Amino acid sequence: MNDHELAATLAEQAGKLLLAIRAQGGAAGDEQSNRFLLDQLRLVRPNDAILSEESPDDQVRAEHSRVWIIDPLDGTREYGEPPRDDWAVHVALAVDGEAVVGAVALPAAGLVLHTGQPPELAPPAPGPLRVAVSRSRPSREVMQLTAALSAKPVPMGSAGAKAMAVVRGEVDVYAHSGGQYEWDSCAPVAVAAAAGLHVSRLDGTPLRYNRPDPYLPDVLICRPESADLVLNVLHLGVSHAHHRNQSAAGQHRPRSR
């Protein structure tokens, strides 16, 4: 089984496990999913390193070129609110810092999107751009982006669900600035890139993985024909914010004696 097939199979199986736990009203689904994924990866890829949201970070991974980056349950809140389906399982493989293999399972929707069989990108939808936003805590930057684009905000749950909504053609843009970790974006970024979408940091720079600090605060996934427009708006927003901060700092400088 190649890496793409392995990622898809493990994400699907972990998703089925989580569905069974939820159906029984059980708790600690994230822990059981994590244990399953770790056991399977250690069995079939014993020479690879692993970075998981639910396990202590073993910095030995920095010495490996191949690192599996997993989120056993992305969207714990949504998972705990059946029958919501906007939660996911992420299984990815980063090679030399690049997200090259990924699978995102949306178990409650019966879907697994993965790099072994990249989804076909839907044609552009007519009308205003649609932007996936957090249903509970959309960031100021993303809401400013939505307003600047005269876009339609589409609230939904987990990071994986938002990213796959772009892949599936349900929205056009997923931009996040509220703070994330590598396991939040690695699998979605791999799948989105394989499908032909634009993927980057909010400033347009490449996303890199298996860094010493796994904190990766922002991500942009969007349709390729919208990338320049979105990045330009984001750049202007950052420039204006920087100018405001500089002005505020100037107003509060200590007076000369």
C-alpha atoms as a PDB file:
ATOM      1  CA  MET A   1       0.000   0.000   0.000  1.00  0.00           C
ATOM      2  CA  ASN A   2       1.505   3.338  -1.021  1.00  0.00           C
ATOM      3  CA  ASP A   3       1.517   6.417   1.215  1.00  0.00           C
ATOM      4  CA  HIS A   4      -1.547   7.977  -0.427  1.00  0.00           C
ATOM      5  CA  GLU A   5      -3.601   4.818  -0.022  1.00  0.00           C
ATOM      6  CA  LEU A   6      -2.393   4.410   3.538  1.00  0.00           C
ATOM      7  CA  ALA A   7      -3.394   7.958   4.509  1.00  0.00           C
ATOM      8  CA  ALA A   8      -6.861   7.511   2.977  1.00  0.00           C
ATOM      9  CA  THR A   9      -7.408   4.116   4.580  1.00  0.00           C
ATOM     10  CA  LEU A  10      -6.339   5.234   8.039  1.00  0.00           C
ATOM     11  CA  ALA A  11      -8.419   8.425   7.906  1.00  0.00           C
ATOM     12  CA  GLU A  12     -11.468   6.437   6.842  1.00  0.00           C
ATOM     13  CA  GLN A  13     -10.995   3.790   9.527  1.00  0.00           C
ATOM     14  CA  ALA A  14     -10.422   6.371  12.256  1.00  0.00           C
ATOM     15  CA  GLY A  15     -13.569   8.136  11.101  1.00  0.00           C
ATOM     16  CA  LYS A  16     -15.614   4.951  11.379  1.00  0.00           C
ATOM     17  CA  LEU A  17     -14.246   4.420  14.874  1.00  0.00           C
ATOM     18  CA  LEU A  18     -15.272   7.949  15.842  1.00  0.00           C
ATOM     19  CA  LEU A  19     -18.769   7.456  14.423  1.00  0.00           C
ATOM     20  CA  ALA A  20     -19.191   4.279  16.449  1.00  0.00           C
ATOM     21  CA  ILE A  21     -18.037   6.009  19.633  1.00  0.00           C
ATOM     22  CA  ARG A  22     -20.390   8.926  19.016  1.00  0.00           C
ATOM     23  CA  ALA A  23     -23.326   6.613  18.331  1.00  0.00           C
ATOM     24  CA  GLN A  24     -22.770   4.968  21.711  1.00  0.00           C
ATOM     25  CA  GLY A  25     -22.657   8.332  23.453  1.00  0.00           C
ATOM     26  CA  GLY A  26     -19.054   7.678  24.402  1.00  0.00           C
ATOM     27  CA  ALA A  27     -16.389  10.189  25.291  1.00  0.00           C
ATOM     28  CA  ALA A  28     -12.669  10.521  24.578  1.00  0.00           C
ATOM     29  CA  GLY A  29     -13.125   9.809  20.886  1.00  0.00           C
ATOM     30  CA  ASP A  30     -10.043  11.871  20.109  1.00  0.00           C
ATOM     31  CA  GLU A  31      -7.895   9.719  22.401  1.00  0.00           C
ATOM     32  CA  GLN A  32      -9.125   6.454  20.895  1.00  0.00           C
ATOM     33  CA  SER A  33      -8.710   7.736  17.349  1.00  0.00           C
ATOM     34  CA  ASN A  34      -5.206   8.889  18.194  1.00  0.00           C
ATOM     35  CA  ARG A  35      -4.262   5.524  19.673  1.00  0.00           C
ATOM     36  CA  PHE A  36      -5.553   3.729  16.581  1.00  0.00           C
ATOM     37  CA  LEU A  37      -3.639   5.971  14.166  1.00  0.00           C
ATOM     38  CA  LEU A  38      -0.404   5.810  16.133  1.00  0.00           C
ATOM     39  CA  ASP A  39      -0.551   2.018  16.417  1.00  0.00           C
ATOM     40  CA  GLN A  40      -1.188   1.591  12.694  1.00  0.00           C
ATOM     41  CA  LEU A  41       1.498   4.023  11.578  1.00  0.00           C
ATOM     42  CA  ARG A  42       4.092   2.505  13.897  1.00  0.00           C
ATOM     43  CA  LEU A  43       3.196  -0.918  12.511  1.00  0.00           C
ATOM     44  CA  VAL A  44       3.367  -0.160   8.789  1.00  0.00           C
ATOM     45  CA  ARG A  45       5.778   2.823   8.715  1.00  0.00           C
ATOM     46  CA  PRO A  46       8.101   2.112  11.649  1.00  0.00           C
ATOM     47  CA  ASN A  47      10.934   4.266  10.303  1.00  0.00           C
ATOM     48  CA  ASP A  48       8.844   7.425   9.961  1.00  0.00           C
ATOM     49  CA  ALA A  49       8.283  10.040  12.656  1.00  0.00           C
ATOM     50  CA  ILE A  50       4.848  11.193  13.847  1.00  0.00           C
ATOM     51  CA  LEU A  51       3.487  14.542  15.016  1.00  0.00           C
ATOM     52  CA  SER A  52      -0.006  14.359  16.511  1.00  0.00           C
ATOM     53  CA  GLU A  53      -2.215  16.892  18.227  1.00  0.00           C
ATOM     54  CA  GLU A  54      -3.050  14.336  20.903  1.00  0.00           C
ATOM     55  CA  SER A  55       0.478  13.191  21.786  1.00  0.00           C
ATOM     56  CA  PRO A  56       3.556  14.839  23.306  1.00  0.00           C
ATOM     57  CA  ASP A  57       5.771  16.368  20.625  1.00  0.00           C
ATOM     58  CA  ASP A  58       8.860  14.217  20.179  1.00  0.00           C
ATOM     59  CA  GLN A  59      11.477  16.613  18.832  1.00  0.00           C
ATOM     60  CA  VAL A  60      13.337  13.630  17.376  1.00  0.00           C
ATOM     61  CA  ARG A  61      10.998  14.127  14.416  1.00  0.00           C
ATOM     62  CA  ALA A  62      13.159  17.073  13.356  1.00  0.00           C
ATOM     63  CA  GLU A  63      15.838  14.541  12.389  1.00  0.00           C
ATOM     64  CA  HIS A  64      13.473  12.762   9.986  1.00  0.00           C
ATOM     65  CA  SER A  65      12.664  13.773   6.426  1.00  0.00           C
ATOM     66  CA  ARG A  66       9.381  11.819   6.526  1.00  0.00           C
ATOM     67  CA  VAL A  67       6.936  12.843   9.254  1.00  0.00           C
ATOM     68  CA  TRP A  68       3.277  11.846   9.532  1.00  0.00           C
ATOM     69  CA  ILE A  69       1.245  14.785  10.816  1.00  0.00           C
ATOM     70  CA  ILE A  70      -2.161  13.819  12.159  1.00  0.00           C
ATOM     71  CA  ASP A  71      -5.201  15.333  13.804  1.00  0.00           C
ATOM     72  CA  PRO A  72      -7.239  12.393  15.114  1.00  0.00           C
ATOM     73  CA  LEU A  73     -10.324  14.577  15.563  1.00  0.00           C
ATOM     74  CA  ASP A  74     -10.514  18.002  13.982  1.00  0.00           C
ATOM     75  CA  GLY A  75     -13.564  19.779  15.351  1.00  0.00           C
ATOM     76  CA  THR A  76     -14.220  18.317  18.780  1.00  0.00           C
ATOM     77  CA  ARG A  77     -17.093  20.725  19.398  1.00  0.00           C
ATOM     78  CA  GLU A  78     -18.885  19.763  16.189  1.00  0.00           C
ATOM     79  CA  TYR A  79     -18.251  16.072  16.831  1.00  0.00           C
ATOM     80  CA  GLY A  80     -19.950  16.449  20.195  1.00  0.00           C
ATOM     81  CA  GLU A  81     -23.076  17.939  18.603  1.00  0.00           C
ATOM     82  CA  PRO A  82     -24.624  15.133  16.520  1.00  0.00           C
ATOM     83  CA  PRO A  83     -25.772  15.045  13.795  1.00  0.00           C
ATOM     84  CA  ARG A  84     -23.298  17.788  12.750  1.00  0.00           C
ATOM     85  CA  ASP A  85     -21.012  16.621   9.966  1.00  0.00           C
ATOM     86  CA  ASP A  86     -18.490  19.504   9.830  1.00  0.00           C
ATOM     87  CA  TRP A  87     -15.685  17.690  11.662  1.00  0.00           C
ATOM     88  CA  ALA A  88     -12.839  15.656  10.245  1.00  0.00           C
ATOM     89  CA  VAL A  89      -9.878  13.327  10.602  1.00  0.00           C
ATOM     90  CA  HIS A  90      -6.531  14.493   9.166  1.00  0.00           C
ATOM     91  CA  VAL A  91      -3.734  12.136   8.114  1.00  0.00           C
ATOM     92  CA  ALA A  92      -0.801  13.686   6.244  1.00  0.00           C
ATOM     93  CA  LEU A  93       2.802  12.974   5.390  1.00  0.00           C
ATOM     94  CA  ALA A  94       5.314  15.807   5.123  1.00  0.00           C
ATOM     95  CA  VAL A  95       8.533  15.048   3.263  1.00  0.00           C
ATOM     96  CA  ASP A  96      11.391  17.498   3.723  1.00  0.00           C
ATOM     97  CA  GLY A  97       8.930  20.042   5.088  1.00  0.00           C
ATOM     98  CA  GLU A  98       6.385  19.816   2.259  1.00  0.00           C
ATOM     99  CA  ALA A  99       2.862  18.440   2.609  1.00  0.00           C
ATOM    100  CA  VAL A 100       2.955  15.823  -0.149  1.00  0.00           C
ATOM    101  CA  VAL A 101       0.445  13.214   1.061  1.00  0.00           C
ATOM    102  CA  GLY A 102      -2.855  13.877   2.729  1.00  0.00           C
ATOM    103  CA  ALA A 103      -6.290  12.526   3.480  1.00  0.00           C
ATOM    104  CA  VAL A 104      -9.181  14.343   5.099  1.00  0.00           C
ATOM    105  CA  ALA A 105     -12.082  12.180   6.190  1.00  0.00           C
ATOM    106  CA  LEU A 106     -15.481  13.761   6.773  1.00  0.00           C
ATOM    107  CA  PRO A 107     -16.936  10.679   8.477  1.00  0.00           C
ATOM    108  CA  ALA A 108     -20.441  11.958   9.161  1.00  0.00           C
ATOM    109  CA  ALA A 109     -20.720  12.953   5.483  1.00  0.00           C
ATOM    110  CA  GLY A 110     -19.341   9.604   4.308  1.00  0.00           C
ATOM    111  CA  LEU A 111     -16.426  11.207   2.455  1.00  0.00           C
ATOM    112  CA  VAL A 112     -12.660  10.805   2.299  1.00  0.00           C
ATOM    113  CA  LEU A 113     -10.781  13.260   0.095  1.00  0.00           C
ATOM    114  CA  HIS A 114      -7.145  12.387  -0.514  1.00  0.00           C
ATOM    115  CA  THR A 115      -4.084  12.936  -2.651  1.00  0.00           C
ATOM    116  CA  GLY A 116      -4.110   9.436  -4.133  1.00  0.00           C
ATOM    117  CA  GLN A 117      -7.180  10.366  -6.142  1.00  0.00           C
ATOM    118  CA  PRO A 118      -7.330  14.177  -6.127  1.00  0.00           C
ATOM    119  CA  PRO A 119     -10.849  15.565  -6.337  1.00  0.00           C
ATOM    120  CA  GLU A 120     -11.767  17.254  -9.602  1.00  0.00           C
ATOM    121  CA  LEU A 121     -12.100  20.980  -9.093  1.00  0.00           C
ATOM    122  CA  ALA A 122     -15.631  22.262  -9.649  1.00  0.00           C
ATOM    123  CA  PRO A 123     -16.107  25.107 -12.154  1.00  0.00           C
ATOM    124  CA  PRO A 124     -16.354  28.636 -10.728  1.00  0.00           C
ATOM    125  CA  ALA A 125     -19.765  29.488  -9.293  1.00  0.00           C
ATOM    126  CA  PRO A 126     -21.548  32.646 -10.446  1.00  0.00           C
ATOM    127  CA  GLY A 127     -22.150  35.485  -8.016  1.00  0.00           C
ATOM    128  CA  PRO A 128     -20.045  36.890  -5.182  1.00  0.00           C
ATOM    129  CA  LEU A 129     -17.156  34.957  -3.705  1.00  0.00           C
ATOM    130  CA  ARG A 130     -18.061  32.673  -0.833  1.00  0.00           C
ATOM    131  CA  VAL A 131     -15.723  32.639   2.178  1.00  0.00           C
ATOM    132  CA  ALA A 132     -15.733  29.901   4.805  1.00  0.00           C
ATOM    133  CA  VAL A 133     -15.696  31.471   8.263  1.00  0.00           C
ATOM    134  CA  SER A 134     -15.776  30.177  11.806  1.00  0.00           C
ATOM    135  CA  ARG A 135     -19.316  29.711  13.051  1.00  0.00           C
ATOM    136  CA  SER A 136     -18.321  30.758  16.578  1.00  0.00           C
ATOM    137  CA  ARG A 137     -15.276  33.050  16.449  1.00  0.00           C
ATOM    138  CA  PRO A 138     -14.460  34.506  13.008  1.00  0.00           C
ATOM    139  CA  SER A 139     -11.282  36.550  13.142  1.00  0.00           C
ATOM    140  CA  ARG A 140     -11.245  40.277  12.439  1.00  0.00           C
ATOM    141  CA  GLU A 141      -8.871  39.819   9.502  1.00  0.00           C
ATOM    142  CA  VAL A 142     -11.121  37.270   7.815  1.00  0.00           C
ATOM    143  CA  MET A 143     -14.220  39.386   8.319  1.00  0.00           C
ATOM    144  CA  GLN A 144     -12.351  42.400   6.890  1.00  0.00           C
ATOM    145  CA  LEU A 145     -11.382  40.256   3.910  1.00  0.00           C
ATOM    146  CA  THR A 146     -14.978  39.195   3.421  1.00  0.00           C
ATOM    147  CA  ALA A 147     -16.168  42.796   3.541  1.00  0.00           C
ATOM    148  CA  ALA A 148     -13.461  44.029   1.153  1.00  0.00           C
ATOM    149  CA  LEU A 149     -14.367  41.337  -1.382  1.00  0.00           C
ATOM    150  CA  SER A 150     -18.113  41.934  -0.944  1.00  0.00           C
ATOM    151  CA  ALA A 151     -18.114  38.192  -0.363  1.00  0.00           C
ATOM    152  CA  LYS A 152     -20.692  35.940   1.231  1.00  0.00           C
ATOM    153  CA  PRO A 153     -19.578  34.504   4.603  1.00  0.00           C
ATOM    154  CA  VAL A 154     -20.419  30.829   5.017  1.00  0.00           C
ATOM    155  CA  PRO A 155     -20.146  29.714   8.675  1.00  0.00           C
ATOM    156  CA  MET A 156     -18.985  26.165   9.355  1.00  0.00           C
ATOM    157  CA  GLY A 157     -17.020  24.148  11.866  1.00  0.00           C
ATOM    158  CA  SER A 158     -13.594  22.560  11.748  1.00  0.00           C
ATOM    159  CA  ALA A 159     -10.567  23.594   9.710  1.00  0.00           C
ATOM    160  CA  GLY A 160     -10.751  20.426   7.671  1.00  0.00           C
ATOM    161  CA  ALA A 161     -14.417  20.957   6.880  1.00  0.00           C
ATOM    162  CA  LYS A 162     -13.729  24.537   5.742  1.00  0.00           C
ATOM    163  CA  ALA A 163     -10.781  23.529   3.576  1.00  0.00           C
ATOM    164  CA  MET A 164     -12.669  20.649   1.981  1.00  0.00           C
ATOM    165  CA  ALA A 165     -15.609  22.972   1.308  1.00  0.00           C
ATOM    166  CA  VAL A 166     -13.267  24.829  -1.078  1.00  0.00           C
ATOM    167  CA  VAL A 167     -12.155  21.549  -2.647  1.00  0.00           C
ATOM    168  CA  ARG A 168     -15.784  20.460  -3.076  1.00  0.00           C
ATOM    169  CA  GLY A 169     -16.827  23.773  -4.602  1.00  0.00           C
ATOM    170  CA  GLU A 170     -19.109  24.783  -1.723  1.00  0.00           C
ATOM    171  CA  VAL A 171     -17.067  27.928  -1.029  1.00  0.00           C
ATOM    172  CA  ASP A 172     -14.301  29.758  -2.885  1.00  0.00           C
ATOM    173  CA  VAL A 173     -11.964  30.877  -0.089  1.00  0.00           C
ATOM    174  CA  TYR A 174     -10.793  29.591   3.272  1.00  0.00           C
ATOM    175  CA  ALA A 175      -8.547  32.067   5.076  1.00  0.00           C
ATOM    176  CA  HIS A 176      -7.564  31.607   8.701  1.00  0.00           C
ATOM    177  CA  SER A 177      -5.613  33.984  10.929  1.00  0.00           C
ATOM    178  CA  GLY A 178      -6.665  33.000  14.416  1.00  0.00           C
ATOM    179  CA  GLY A 179      -3.829  30.610  15.225  1.00  0.00           C
ATOM    180  CA  GLN A 180      -3.370  26.977  14.216  1.00  0.00           C
ATOM    181  CA  TYR A 181      -0.852  24.169  14.428  1.00  0.00           C
ATOM    182  CA  GLU A 182       0.659  22.029  11.708  1.00  0.00           C
ATOM    183  CA  TRP A 183      -1.848  19.226  12.248  1.00  0.00           C
ATOM    184  CA  ASP A 184      -4.708  21.628  11.550  1.00  0.00           C
ATOM    185  CA  SER A 185      -3.616  22.360   7.994  1.00  0.00           C
ATOM    186  CA  CYS A 186      -1.128  19.765   6.720  1.00  0.00           C
ATOM    187  CA  ALA A 187      -3.615  17.186   5.383  1.00  0.00           C
ATOM    188  CA  PRO A 188      -6.105  19.785   4.063  1.00  0.00           C
ATOM    189  CA  VAL A 189      -3.283  21.676   2.322  1.00  0.00           C
ATOM    190  CA  ALA A 190      -1.973  18.499   0.674  1.00  0.00           C
ATOM    191  CA  VAL A 191      -5.444  17.583  -0.622  1.00  0.00           C
ATOM    192  CA  ALA A 192      -6.225  21.133  -1.758  1.00  0.00           C
ATOM    193  CA  ALA A 193      -2.914  21.485  -3.602  1.00  0.00           C
ATOM    194  CA  ALA A 194      -3.418  18.125  -5.323  1.00  0.00           C
ATOM    195  CA  ALA A 195      -6.840  19.326  -6.477  1.00  0.00           C
ATOM    196  CA  GLY A 196      -5.280  22.406  -8.077  1.00  0.00           C
ATOM    197  CA  LEU A 197      -6.179  25.012  -5.472  1.00  0.00           C
ATOM    198  CA  HIS A 198      -3.912  27.828  -4.284  1.00  0.00           C
ATOM    199  CA  VAL A 199      -2.362  27.120  -0.872  1.00  0.00           C
ATOM    200  CA  SER A 200      -0.072  29.449   1.115  1.00  0.00           C
ATOM    201  CA  ARG A 201       0.356  31.535   4.223  1.00  0.00           C
ATOM    202  CA  LEU A 202      -1.772  34.692   4.299  1.00  0.00           C
ATOM    203  CA  ASP A 203       1.211  36.682   3.055  1.00  0.00           C
ATOM    204  CA  GLY A 204       1.596  34.367   0.072  1.00  0.00           C
ATOM    205  CA  THR A 205       4.676  32.532   1.330  1.00  0.00           C
ATOM    206  CA  PRO A 206       4.823  28.718   1.187  1.00  0.00           C
ATOM    207  CA  LEU A 207       3.561  26.555   4.025  1.00  0.00           C
ATOM    208  CA  ARG A 208       6.336  24.515   5.619  1.00  0.00           C
ATOM    209  CA  TYR A 209       5.927  21.601   8.007  1.00  0.00           C
ATOM    210  CA  ASN A 210       7.917  19.609  10.563  1.00  0.00           C
ATOM    211  CA  ARG A 211       9.467  22.758  11.983  1.00  0.00           C
ATOM    212  CA  PRO A 212      10.810  22.790  15.552  1.00  0.00           C
ATOM    213  CA  ASP A 213       7.787  24.811  16.675  1.00  0.00           C
ATOM    214  CA  PRO A 214       4.608  23.294  15.171  1.00  0.00           C
ATOM    215  CA  TYR A 215       2.641  26.528  15.632  1.00  0.00           C
ATOM    216  CA  LEU A 216       1.495  27.637  12.173  1.00  0.00           C
ATOM    217  CA  PRO A 217      -0.944  30.479  12.780  1.00  0.00           C
ATOM    218  CA  ASP A 218      -2.449  31.170   9.361  1.00  0.00           C
ATOM    219  CA  VAL A 219      -3.378  29.557   6.072  1.00  0.00           C
ATOM    220  CA  LEU A 220      -5.011  30.464   2.776  1.00  0.00           C
ATOM    221  CA  ILE A 221      -6.763  27.944   0.542  1.00  0.00           C
ATOM    222  CA  CYS A 222      -8.665  29.348  -2.395  1.00  0.00           C
ATOM    223  CA  ARG A 223      -9.575  28.886  -6.021  1.00  0.00           C
ATOM    224  CA  PRO A 224      -6.567  29.642  -8.262  1.00  0.00           C
ATOM    225  CA  GLU A 225      -8.339  32.340 -10.269  1.00  0.00           C
ATOM    226  CA  SER A 226      -9.107  34.247  -7.043  1.00  0.00           C
ATOM    227  CA  ALA A 227      -5.663  33.943  -5.433  1.00  0.00           C
ATOM    228  CA  ASP A 228      -4.144  37.219  -6.667  1.00  0.00           C
ATOM    229  CA  LEU A 229      -7.223  39.217  -5.668  1.00  0.00           C
ATOM    230  CA  VAL A 230      -7.414  37.643  -2.214  1.00  0.00           C
ATOM    231  CA  LEU A 231      -3.683  38.041  -1.563  1.00  0.00           C
ATOM    232  CA  ASN A 232      -3.776  41.681  -2.660  1.00  0.00           C
ATOM    233  CA  VAL A 233      -6.657  42.415  -0.298  1.00  0.00           C
ATOM    234  CA  LEU A 234      -4.878  40.610   2.533  1.00  0.00           C
ATOM    235  CA  HIS A 235      -1.671  42.537   1.816  1.00  0.00           C
ATOM    236  CA  LEU A 236      -3.502  45.856   1.933  1.00  0.00           C
ATOM    237  CA  GLY A 237      -5.183  44.851   5.167  1.00  0.00           C
ATOM    238  CA  VAL A 238      -1.860  43.954   6.753  1.00  0.00           C
ATOM    239  CA  SER A 239      -0.299  47.218   5.537  1.00  0.00           C
ATOM    240  CA  HIS A 240      -3.141  49.292   6.943  1.00  0.00           C
ATOM    241  CA  ALA A 241      -2.995  47.441  10.247  1.00  0.00           C
ATOM    242  CA  HIS A 242       0.753  48.036  10.419  1.00  0.00           C
ATOM    243  CA  HIS A 243       0.231  51.757   9.689  1.00  0.00           C
ATOM    244  CA  ARG A 244      -2.401  52.018  12.424  1.00  0.00           C
ATOM    245  CA  ASN A 245      -0.091  50.285  14.893  1.00  0.00           C
ATOM    246  CA  GLN A 246       2.784  52.596  13.989  1.00  0.00           C
ATOM    247  CA  SER A 247       0.560  55.672  14.372  1.00  0.00           C
ATOM    248  CA  ALA A 248      -0.703  54.488  17.731  1.00  0.00           C
ATOM    249  CA  ALA A 249       2.844  53.824  18.878  1.00  0.00           C
ATOM    250  CA  GLY A 250       3.846  57.334  17.796  1.00  0.00           C
ATOM    251  CA  GLN A 251       1.024  58.902  19.754  1.00  0.00           C
ATOM    252  CA  HIS A 252       2.181  57.173  22.915  1.00  0.00           C
ATOM    253  CA  ARG A 253       5.880  57.887  22.737  1.00  0.00           C
ATOM    254  CA  PRO A 254       7.355  59.343  25.948  1.00  0.00           C
ATOM    255  CA  ARG A 255       7.726  63.118  25.891  1.00  0.00           C
ATOM    256  CA  SER A 256      11.229  64.606  25.920  1.00  0.00           C
ATOM    257  CA  ARG A 257      12.226  66.105  29.226  1.00  0.00           C
END
